[in-house]
Amino acid sequence: MPIAPLLPLILAAASPAPPLVVEVGNVRNGHGRVRIDICPKERFLADGCPWHGSAPAHAGTTQIVIPALPHGDYAVQAFHDENANDAVDRGLFGIPKEGVGFSRDARIVFSPPKWADAMFHHDGQVQRIGFHLRYWTGPGSPAAWHAAHPRD
């Protein structure tokens, strides 16, 4: 069998999936890391999402690149790991002490958002998405952090 007719299929299979660039905004300070999980529907809000990324936190916006994300529907869940302990620290009633956020800026009202509110479609092209963290304790923005911690 000649290989020439199969060459486009072989090249397509060998090509890595395109990157997803995630811009996480409203990072209140440069402490620790910003961590993200990219989850298909069946893993959303659970441990074990198949794609992860992190970057050193930068006050304002932190960018994280997932180098090869296959075509599909996903949601991003993120948190600002200010003390770099690899976990979302929680206070009374399980309220996060560190910033958390979801793709499409899905709202958090008394519970995590629904899949439909956070879901985005990755179509196999280079893609850039962005959303903001929310803080429930302490300063809620880079400006508020700087006002409360002028030497930081």
N, C-alpha and C. Protein backbone atom coordinates (compact mmCIF):
# COMPACT_ATOMS: atom_id res chain seq x y z
N MET A 1 0.85 -1.19 0.00
CA MET A 1 0.00 0.00 0.00
C MET A 1 0.89 1.24 0.00
N PRO A 2 0.65 2.16 -0.90
CA PRO A 2 1.45 3.39 -0.93
C PRO A 2 1.17 4.23 0.31
N ILE A 3 2.21 4.87 0.82
CA ILE A 3 2.08 5.68 2.02
C ILE A 3 1.60 7.10 1.73
N ALA A 4 1.78 7.58 0.50
CA ALA A 4 1.43 8.96 0.15
C ALA A 4 -0.01 9.32 0.51
N PRO A 5 -1.03 8.48 0.23
CA PRO A 5 -2.39 8.88 0.60
C PRO A 5 -2.60 8.98 2.11
N LEU A 6 -1.79 8.28 2.88
CA LEU A 6 -1.93 8.31 4.33
C LEU A 6 -1.12 9.41 5.00
N LEU A 7 -0.25 10.06 4.24
CA LEU A 7 0.64 11.06 4.81
C LEU A 7 -0.09 12.19 5.56
N PRO A 8 -1.17 12.77 5.04
CA PRO A 8 -1.87 13.82 5.81
C PRO A 8 -2.38 13.30 7.16
N LEU A 9 -2.88 12.08 7.21
CA LEU A 9 -3.37 11.52 8.48
C LEU A 9 -2.23 11.30 9.46
N ILE A 10 -1.11 10.82 8.94
CA ILE A 10 0.05 10.58 9.80
C ILE A 10 0.57 11.90 10.36
N LEU A 11 0.67 12.92 9.53
CA LEU A 11 1.14 14.22 10.00
C LEU A 11 0.18 14.85 11.00
N ALA A 12 -1.11 14.70 10.76
CA ALA A 12 -2.10 15.26 11.69
C ALA A 12 -2.02 14.57 13.04
N ALA A 13 -1.84 13.25 13.03
CA ALA A 13 -1.74 12.51 14.28
C ALA A 13 -0.46 12.87 15.03
N ALA A 14 0.61 13.17 14.31
CA ALA A 14 1.89 13.49 14.93
C ALA A 14 1.95 14.93 15.44
N SER A 15 1.10 15.81 14.95
CA SER A 15 1.11 17.21 15.35
C SER A 15 0.58 17.35 16.77
N PRO A 16 1.27 18.09 17.62
CA PRO A 16 0.75 18.29 18.96
C PRO A 16 -0.51 19.15 18.93
N ALA A 17 -1.35 18.95 19.94
CA ALA A 17 -2.54 19.78 20.07
C ALA A 17 -2.09 21.22 20.34
N PRO A 18 -2.88 22.20 19.94
CA PRO A 18 -2.47 23.60 20.12
C PRO A 18 -2.55 24.03 21.59
N PRO A 19 -1.80 25.07 21.92
CA PRO A 19 -1.80 25.53 23.30
C PRO A 19 -3.06 26.32 23.67
N LEU A 20 -3.32 26.31 24.96
CA LEU A 20 -4.34 27.17 25.56
C LEU A 20 -3.61 28.13 26.47
N VAL A 21 -3.83 29.43 26.26
CA VAL A 21 -3.22 30.46 27.10
C VAL A 21 -4.32 30.97 28.03
N VAL A 22 -4.07 30.86 29.34
CA VAL A 22 -5.05 31.27 30.34
C VAL A 22 -4.49 32.49 31.08
N GLU A 23 -5.23 33.60 31.02
CA GLU A 23 -4.86 34.82 31.72
C GLU A 23 -5.76 34.98 32.94
N VAL A 24 -5.17 34.83 34.11
CA VAL A 24 -5.91 34.91 35.37
C VAL A 24 -5.70 36.31 35.94
N GLY A 25 -6.78 37.07 36.01
CA GLY A 25 -6.72 38.45 36.48
C GLY A 25 -7.12 38.61 37.93
N ASN A 26 -6.92 39.80 38.45
CA ASN A 26 -7.23 40.18 39.82
C ASN A 26 -6.42 39.37 40.84
N VAL A 27 -5.19 39.00 40.46
CA VAL A 27 -4.28 38.35 41.41
C VAL A 27 -3.80 39.45 42.34
N ARG A 28 -4.11 39.33 43.63
CA ARG A 28 -3.92 40.47 44.52
C ARG A 28 -2.47 40.76 44.90
N ASN A 29 -1.58 39.79 44.80
CA ASN A 29 -0.17 40.04 45.13
C ASN A 29 0.71 39.03 44.41
N GLY A 30 2.01 39.18 44.56
CA GLY A 30 2.95 38.29 43.90
C GLY A 30 3.44 37.15 44.78
N HIS A 31 2.69 36.80 45.80
CA HIS A 31 3.08 35.71 46.69
C HIS A 31 2.66 34.37 46.09
N GLY A 32 3.51 33.37 46.19
CA GLY A 32 3.14 32.01 45.81
C GLY A 32 2.97 31.81 44.31
N ARG A 33 1.98 30.99 43.96
CA ARG A 33 1.72 30.60 42.57
C ARG A 33 0.23 30.68 42.27
N VAL A 34 -0.09 30.85 41.00
CA VAL A 34 -1.47 30.71 40.54
C VAL A 34 -1.54 29.34 39.88
N ARG A 35 -2.49 28.53 40.31
CA ARG A 35 -2.64 27.15 39.83
C ARG A 35 -3.97 26.99 39.11
N ILE A 36 -3.95 26.23 38.01
CA ILE A 36 -5.19 25.97 37.27
C ILE A 36 -5.32 24.48 36.99
N ASP A 37 -6.55 24.05 36.89
CA ASP A 37 -6.92 22.71 36.42
C ASP A 37 -7.85 22.91 35.23
N ILE A 38 -7.62 22.15 34.17
CA ILE A 38 -8.49 22.16 32.98
C ILE A 38 -9.26 20.85 33.03
N CYS A 39 -10.58 20.95 33.11
CA CYS A 39 -11.40 19.77 33.39
C CYS A 39 -12.47 19.52 32.33
N PRO A 40 -12.63 18.27 31.91
CA PRO A 40 -13.81 17.92 31.14
C PRO A 40 -15.00 17.85 32.10
N LYS A 41 -16.19 17.77 31.58
CA LYS A 41 -17.41 17.81 32.40
C LYS A 41 -17.38 16.80 33.54
N GLU A 42 -16.96 15.58 33.26
CA GLU A 42 -17.02 14.53 34.28
C GLU A 42 -16.03 14.73 35.43
N ARG A 43 -15.07 15.64 35.30
CA ARG A 43 -14.09 15.89 36.37
C ARG A 43 -14.23 17.29 36.97
N PHE A 44 -15.15 18.10 36.47
CA PHE A 44 -15.32 19.46 36.95
C PHE A 44 -15.65 19.46 38.44
N LEU A 45 -14.96 20.30 39.20
CA LEU A 45 -15.12 20.45 40.65
C LEU A 45 -14.67 19.21 41.42
N ALA A 46 -13.90 18.35 40.80
CA ALA A 46 -13.40 17.15 41.46
C ALA A 46 -11.88 17.10 41.31
N ASP A 47 -11.26 16.25 42.09
CA ASP A 47 -9.83 16.03 41.92
C ASP A 47 -9.61 15.21 40.66
N GLY A 48 -8.42 15.30 40.13
CA GLY A 48 -8.06 14.45 39.01
C GLY A 48 -8.33 15.02 37.64
N CYS A 49 -8.41 16.34 37.51
CA CYS A 49 -8.54 16.92 36.17
C CYS A 49 -7.28 16.58 35.40
N PRO A 50 -7.41 16.22 34.12
CA PRO A 50 -6.25 15.72 33.39
C PRO A 50 -5.20 16.75 33.00
N TRP A 51 -5.51 18.03 32.96
CA TRP A 51 -4.53 19.05 32.57
C TRP A 51 -4.37 20.05 33.70
N HIS A 52 -3.12 20.38 34.01
CA HIS A 52 -2.80 21.29 35.10
C HIS A 52 -1.73 22.28 34.64
N GLY A 53 -1.67 23.38 35.31
CA GLY A 53 -0.61 24.33 35.06
C GLY A 53 -0.48 25.28 36.22
N SER A 54 0.68 25.91 36.33
CA SER A 54 0.87 26.91 37.36
C SER A 54 1.98 27.85 36.91
N ALA A 55 2.01 29.01 37.52
CA ALA A 55 3.05 30.00 37.25
C ALA A 55 3.23 30.84 38.50
N PRO A 56 4.41 31.43 38.68
CA PRO A 56 4.58 32.34 39.80
C PRO A 56 3.52 33.46 39.72
N ALA A 57 2.96 33.78 40.87
CA ALA A 57 1.93 34.81 40.91
C ALA A 57 2.53 36.18 40.58
N HIS A 58 1.80 36.95 39.81
CA HIS A 58 2.14 38.35 39.50
C HIS A 58 0.92 39.18 39.84
N ALA A 59 1.10 40.21 40.66
CA ALA A 59 -0.02 41.07 41.01
C ALA A 59 -0.65 41.61 39.74
N GLY A 60 -1.96 41.49 39.66
CA GLY A 60 -2.69 41.91 38.46
C GLY A 60 -3.08 40.70 37.65
N THR A 61 -2.28 40.36 36.63
CA THR A 61 -2.60 39.22 35.76
C THR A 61 -1.43 38.25 35.71
N THR A 62 -1.74 36.98 35.84
CA THR A 62 -0.76 35.91 35.70
C THR A 62 -1.17 35.05 34.52
N GLN A 63 -0.21 34.77 33.65
CA GLN A 63 -0.49 33.97 32.45
C GLN A 63 0.06 32.57 32.62
N ILE A 64 -0.76 31.57 32.26
CA ILE A 64 -0.36 30.17 32.33
C ILE A 64 -0.66 29.56 30.97
N VAL A 65 0.31 28.83 30.42
CA VAL A 65 0.15 28.20 29.12
C VAL A 65 0.07 26.69 29.30
N ILE A 66 -0.99 26.11 28.75
CA ILE A 66 -1.12 24.65 28.68
C ILE A 66 -0.69 24.30 27.26
N PRO A 67 0.45 23.61 27.08
CA PRO A 67 1.04 23.49 25.75
C PRO A 67 0.26 22.66 24.74
N ALA A 68 -0.50 21.68 25.14
CA ALA A 68 -1.17 20.82 24.16
C ALA A 68 -2.50 20.35 24.73
N LEU A 69 -3.56 21.07 24.41
CA LEU A 69 -4.89 20.71 24.89
C LEU A 69 -5.71 20.19 23.72
N PRO A 70 -6.19 18.96 23.79
CA PRO A 70 -6.98 18.41 22.69
C PRO A 70 -8.31 19.16 22.51
N HIS A 71 -8.85 19.08 21.34
CA HIS A 71 -10.15 19.63 20.98
C HIS A 71 -11.20 19.10 21.97
N GLY A 72 -12.10 19.97 22.45
CA GLY A 72 -13.16 19.52 23.35
C GLY A 72 -13.77 20.64 24.16
N ASP A 73 -14.67 20.26 25.06
CA ASP A 73 -15.32 21.19 25.98
C ASP A 73 -14.69 21.05 27.35
N TYR A 74 -14.34 22.18 27.96
CA TYR A 74 -13.63 22.18 29.23
C TYR A 74 -14.11 23.31 30.11
N ALA A 75 -13.70 23.26 31.38
CA ALA A 75 -13.84 24.38 32.30
C ALA A 75 -12.52 24.50 33.04
N VAL A 76 -12.13 25.73 33.36
CA VAL A 76 -10.91 25.97 34.13
C VAL A 76 -11.31 26.35 35.54
N GLN A 77 -10.66 25.73 36.51
CA GLN A 77 -10.80 26.14 37.90
C GLN A 77 -9.41 26.58 38.36
N ALA A 78 -9.34 27.72 39.04
CA ALA A 78 -8.05 28.30 39.40
C ALA A 78 -8.06 28.76 40.85
N PHE A 79 -6.84 28.82 41.42
CA PHE A 79 -6.71 29.45 42.73
C PHE A 79 -5.33 30.05 42.88
N HIS A 80 -5.26 31.06 43.73
CA HIS A 80 -4.01 31.75 44.05
C HIS A 80 -3.45 31.09 45.30
N ASP A 81 -2.46 30.26 45.12
CA ASP A 81 -1.83 29.51 46.21
C ASP A 81 -0.78 30.42 46.86
N GLU A 82 -1.25 31.36 47.66
CA GLU A 82 -0.37 32.39 48.21
C GLU A 82 0.73 31.83 49.09
N ASN A 83 0.47 30.75 49.82
CA ASN A 83 1.50 30.19 50.69
C ASN A 83 2.17 28.96 50.08
N ALA A 84 1.91 28.67 48.82
CA ALA A 84 2.57 27.60 48.06
C ALA A 84 2.48 26.24 48.74
N ASN A 85 1.30 25.92 49.30
CA ASN A 85 1.13 24.61 49.93
C ASN A 85 0.34 23.63 49.04
N ASP A 86 0.10 24.01 47.81
CA ASP A 86 -0.60 23.16 46.82
C ASP A 86 -2.04 22.84 47.19
N ALA A 87 -2.66 23.68 47.99
CA ALA A 87 -4.05 23.45 48.38
C ALA A 87 -4.76 24.79 48.57
N VAL A 88 -6.07 24.80 48.38
CA VAL A 88 -6.87 25.99 48.67
C VAL A 88 -7.10 26.01 50.18
N ASP A 89 -6.55 27.00 50.85
CA ASP A 89 -6.77 27.13 52.28
C ASP A 89 -8.19 27.62 52.52
N ARG A 90 -8.84 27.05 53.51
CA ARG A 90 -10.24 27.39 53.78
C ARG A 90 -10.42 27.81 55.22
N GLY A 91 -11.40 28.67 55.42
CA GLY A 91 -11.72 29.14 56.75
C GLY A 91 -13.06 28.58 57.20
N LEU A 92 -13.73 29.36 58.02
CA LEU A 92 -15.02 28.99 58.57
C LEU A 92 -16.02 28.64 57.47
N PHE A 93 -16.73 27.55 57.63
CA PHE A 93 -17.73 27.08 56.67
C PHE A 93 -17.14 26.73 55.31
N GLY A 94 -15.82 26.50 55.25
CA GLY A 94 -15.19 26.11 53.99
C GLY A 94 -14.95 27.25 53.02
N ILE A 95 -15.11 28.48 53.47
CA ILE A 95 -14.91 29.63 52.59
C ILE A 95 -13.42 29.76 52.28
N PRO A 96 -13.06 29.86 51.00
CA PRO A 96 -11.63 29.96 50.64
C PRO A 96 -10.97 31.20 51.22
N LYS A 97 -9.76 31.01 51.76
CA LYS A 97 -8.95 32.13 52.24
C LYS A 97 -8.09 32.71 51.13
N GLU A 98 -7.95 31.96 50.04
CA GLU A 98 -7.15 32.39 48.90
C GLU A 98 -8.08 32.62 47.72
N GLY A 99 -7.64 33.38 46.76
CA GLY A 99 -8.48 33.70 45.60
C GLY A 99 -8.79 32.47 44.77
N VAL A 100 -10.02 32.39 44.30
CA VAL A 100 -10.46 31.32 43.42
C VAL A 100 -11.22 31.92 42.24
N GLY A 101 -11.24 31.19 41.14
CA GLY A 101 -11.98 31.66 39.98
C GLY A 101 -12.20 30.54 38.99
N PHE A 102 -13.10 30.81 38.03
CA PHE A 102 -13.49 29.83 37.03
C PHE A 102 -13.56 30.48 35.66
N SER A 103 -13.34 29.68 34.65
CA SER A 103 -13.44 30.18 33.28
C SER A 103 -14.79 30.84 33.06
N ARG A 104 -14.79 31.77 32.12
CA ARG A 104 -15.95 32.59 31.77
C ARG A 104 -16.43 33.43 32.96
N ASP A 105 -15.56 33.63 33.96
CA ASP A 105 -15.93 34.37 35.17
C ASP A 105 -17.23 33.85 35.76
N ALA A 106 -17.38 32.53 35.74
CA ALA A 106 -18.59 31.90 36.28
C ALA A 106 -18.80 32.35 37.72
N ARG A 107 -20.00 32.73 38.02
CA ARG A 107 -20.34 33.29 39.34
C ARG A 107 -20.31 32.22 40.42
N ILE A 108 -19.89 32.66 41.60
CA ILE A 108 -19.85 31.81 42.78
C ILE A 108 -20.82 32.43 43.78
N VAL A 109 -21.97 31.80 43.97
CA VAL A 109 -22.98 32.33 44.88
C VAL A 109 -23.42 31.20 45.81
N PHE A 110 -22.89 31.19 47.02
CA PHE A 110 -23.20 30.18 48.04
C PHE A 110 -22.77 28.77 47.65
N SER A 111 -22.24 28.58 46.46
CA SER A 111 -21.74 27.27 46.03
C SER A 111 -20.92 27.49 44.77
N PRO A 112 -20.12 26.48 44.39
CA PRO A 112 -19.36 26.61 43.14
C PRO A 112 -20.29 26.76 41.94
N PRO A 113 -19.76 27.25 40.83
CA PRO A 113 -20.60 27.44 39.65
C PRO A 113 -21.00 26.13 38.99
N LYS A 114 -21.96 26.20 38.14
CA LYS A 114 -22.39 25.05 37.36
C LYS A 114 -21.48 24.91 36.13
N TRP A 115 -21.39 23.69 35.62
CA TRP A 115 -20.59 23.39 34.44
C TRP A 115 -20.93 24.33 33.29
N ALA A 116 -22.20 24.50 33.01
CA ALA A 116 -22.63 25.31 31.86
C ALA A 116 -22.16 26.75 31.97
N ASP A 117 -21.97 27.26 33.18
CA ASP A 117 -21.54 28.64 33.37
C ASP A 117 -20.03 28.81 33.17
N ALA A 118 -19.26 27.74 33.35
CA ALA A 118 -17.81 27.81 33.25
C ALA A 118 -17.26 27.19 31.97
N MET A 119 -18.06 26.44 31.25
CA MET A 119 -17.60 25.68 30.09
C MET A 119 -17.22 26.58 28.91
N PHE A 120 -16.11 26.20 28.26
CA PHE A 120 -15.73 26.84 27.00
C PHE A 120 -15.35 25.74 26.02
N HIS A 121 -15.41 26.06 24.75
CA HIS A 121 -15.07 25.08 23.70
C HIS A 121 -13.68 25.39 23.17
N HIS A 122 -12.84 24.37 23.16
CA HIS A 122 -11.50 24.49 22.57
C HIS A 122 -11.56 23.78 21.23
N ASP A 123 -11.40 24.54 20.15
CA ASP A 123 -11.66 24.01 18.80
C ASP A 123 -10.43 23.50 18.06
N GLY A 124 -9.34 23.31 18.75
CA GLY A 124 -8.16 22.78 18.08
C GLY A 124 -7.25 23.85 17.52
N GLN A 125 -7.50 25.11 17.85
CA GLN A 125 -6.65 26.22 17.42
C GLN A 125 -6.00 26.83 18.67
N VAL A 126 -4.94 27.60 18.46
CA VAL A 126 -4.37 28.35 19.58
C VAL A 126 -5.48 29.23 20.14
N GLN A 127 -5.64 29.21 21.45
CA GLN A 127 -6.76 29.93 22.07
C GLN A 127 -6.29 30.64 23.33
N ARG A 128 -6.86 31.81 23.58
CA ARG A 128 -6.56 32.60 24.76
C ARG A 128 -7.88 32.87 25.49
N ILE A 129 -7.91 32.54 26.77
CA ILE A 129 -9.09 32.85 27.58
C ILE A 129 -8.63 33.61 28.82
N GLY A 130 -9.54 34.32 29.45
CA GLY A 130 -9.21 35.05 30.66
C GLY A 130 -10.39 35.12 31.60
N PHE A 131 -10.09 35.24 32.87
CA PHE A 131 -11.10 35.40 33.91
C PHE A 131 -10.42 35.96 35.14
N HIS A 132 -11.20 36.26 36.17
CA HIS A 132 -10.68 36.94 37.36
C HIS A 132 -10.87 36.08 38.61
N LEU A 133 -9.92 36.23 39.53
CA LEU A 133 -10.05 35.59 40.84
C LEU A 133 -10.94 36.43 41.73
N ARG A 134 -11.54 35.76 42.70
CA ARG A 134 -12.35 36.43 43.72
C ARG A 134 -11.79 36.04 45.09
N TYR A 135 -11.71 37.01 45.97
CA TYR A 135 -11.21 36.80 47.32
C TYR A 135 -12.33 37.11 48.31
N TRP A 136 -12.48 36.25 49.31
CA TRP A 136 -13.52 36.47 50.33
C TRP A 136 -12.94 36.95 51.64
N THR A 137 -11.63 36.86 51.81
CA THR A 137 -11.01 37.35 53.03
C THR A 137 -9.85 38.27 52.64
N GLY A 138 -9.62 39.28 53.44
CA GLY A 138 -8.53 40.21 53.18
C GLY A 138 -8.78 41.08 51.96
N PRO A 139 -7.77 41.79 51.52
CA PRO A 139 -7.92 42.66 50.35
C PRO A 139 -8.36 41.87 49.12
N GLY A 140 -9.28 42.42 48.35
CA GLY A 140 -9.85 41.70 47.23
C GLY A 140 -9.32 42.06 45.86
N SER A 141 -8.26 42.88 45.80
CA SER A 141 -7.71 43.28 44.51
C SER A 141 -6.26 43.70 44.71
N PRO A 142 -5.50 43.83 43.62
CA PRO A 142 -4.12 44.32 43.77
C PRO A 142 -4.05 45.70 44.42
N ALA A 143 -4.95 46.61 44.04
CA ALA A 143 -4.94 47.95 44.63
C ALA A 143 -5.24 47.92 46.12
N ALA A 144 -6.22 47.11 46.51
CA ALA A 144 -6.57 47.00 47.94
C ALA A 144 -5.42 46.35 48.72
N TRP A 145 -4.74 45.37 48.11
CA TRP A 145 -3.59 44.74 48.77
C TRP A 145 -2.49 45.77 48.97
N HIS A 146 -2.20 46.54 47.94
CA HIS A 146 -1.13 47.54 48.04
C HIS A 146 -1.47 48.60 49.10
N ALA A 147 -2.73 48.99 49.18
CA ALA A 147 -3.14 49.98 50.18
C ALA A 147 -2.96 49.42 51.60
N ALA A 148 -3.24 48.13 51.77
CA ALA A 148 -3.11 47.51 53.09
C ALA A 148 -1.68 47.10 53.41
N HIS A 149 -0.86 46.89 52.38
CA HIS A 149 0.52 46.44 52.55
C HIS A 149 1.45 47.29 51.66
N PRO A 150 1.63 48.57 51.99
CA PRO A 150 2.37 49.45 51.08
C PRO A 150 3.83 49.05 50.85
N ARG A 151 4.42 48.31 51.74
CA ARG A 151 5.83 47.92 51.57
C ARG A 151 5.97 46.58 50.88
N ASP A 152 4.89 45.96 50.53
CA ASP A 152 4.91 44.64 49.90
C ASP A 152 4.89 44.75 48.39
